[in-house]
Amino acid sequence: MGRTVGRETGNGVIASPNIWHWPEIYEQENRAQDVHGAVHAALRETVDWAGRDVVDVGCGAGFHLPMFAVDAHTVTGVEPHPPLVAAARSRVRDLPSVTVLRGSASGMPIPDASADLVHARTAYFFGPGCGAGILEAMRVLRPGGVLAVVDLDATAHPYGRWMRADLPHYDPAAVEAFFEAQGFELRRIDTLWEFPDRGTLEGVLGIEFAPETAARAIRETPGTTLTVRYRLHVRRKPRGFEFR
């Protein structure tokens, strides 16, 4: 977050500057995140996607698509930024069950009631004001399906303290209240980020925060690991729900 907070591009899409501008560094960040698979385990406990249809909205360069493809029936990545669409397609070119489509959270080119899980991770289109994205996910989900939104928890430190320094008007309590009012359940997940060396860690902090905050984060981080907490917000589409 912080430096990576996006702005609308003019077509309703909110840019993600970290991965849009520094995809190679963001790839290193993905590899370092959650090395013990705590988020993956929590998702699995929420919904078992084995043999089912998964949509990863805001899939970026497709880092998580192969994980879902191991045992899902089909996996569809949705991404608005053309260079990332191309990168994701290249990543999954040998996975016949995976498709990558260009689209947005509020305009997914996917049929009604065709998915069992819609997954969105650290994506800018969820939070207060994202009603259109939630409605679109409900349209795409089958009855009983799950919308799982994974985001960073700005109440947990040190990462949350750096986020708040970059985003003084960001109110985690208001975000959580928004999700609760929309019928989401909340689970907090503690994870470990582990980098191969200091240079990689510093590069990642440099794309996630403004220069002053990044410098502070680097000073306050000994070694090559970070503890980072996530929020998992889950909303199930009721069985018998009819989208209008």
Foldseek 3Di string as FASTA:
>chain_A
DQLQFFDDPPPRFTGGCLCVVPVVLVVLQVPQWQVVCQVVVVVCVVPPQFQFEEEEEQCFLPPCVVVSLPGHQAYEYEHADVVSLVNNCVVCVVRVRYYYDYDHLLGDPAAFQRGQEYEYEQGNLAFPPNVSSVLSVLRNHHAFGKYKYKHFQLVDDDVNVLVCVSVVPDDNVRRVVVLVVVPWDKDKTKGKGFHPFLVSVLVNLPSVHPPVSSVVVSVVDPDGMDITMMMIIMHGHHHVDDRD
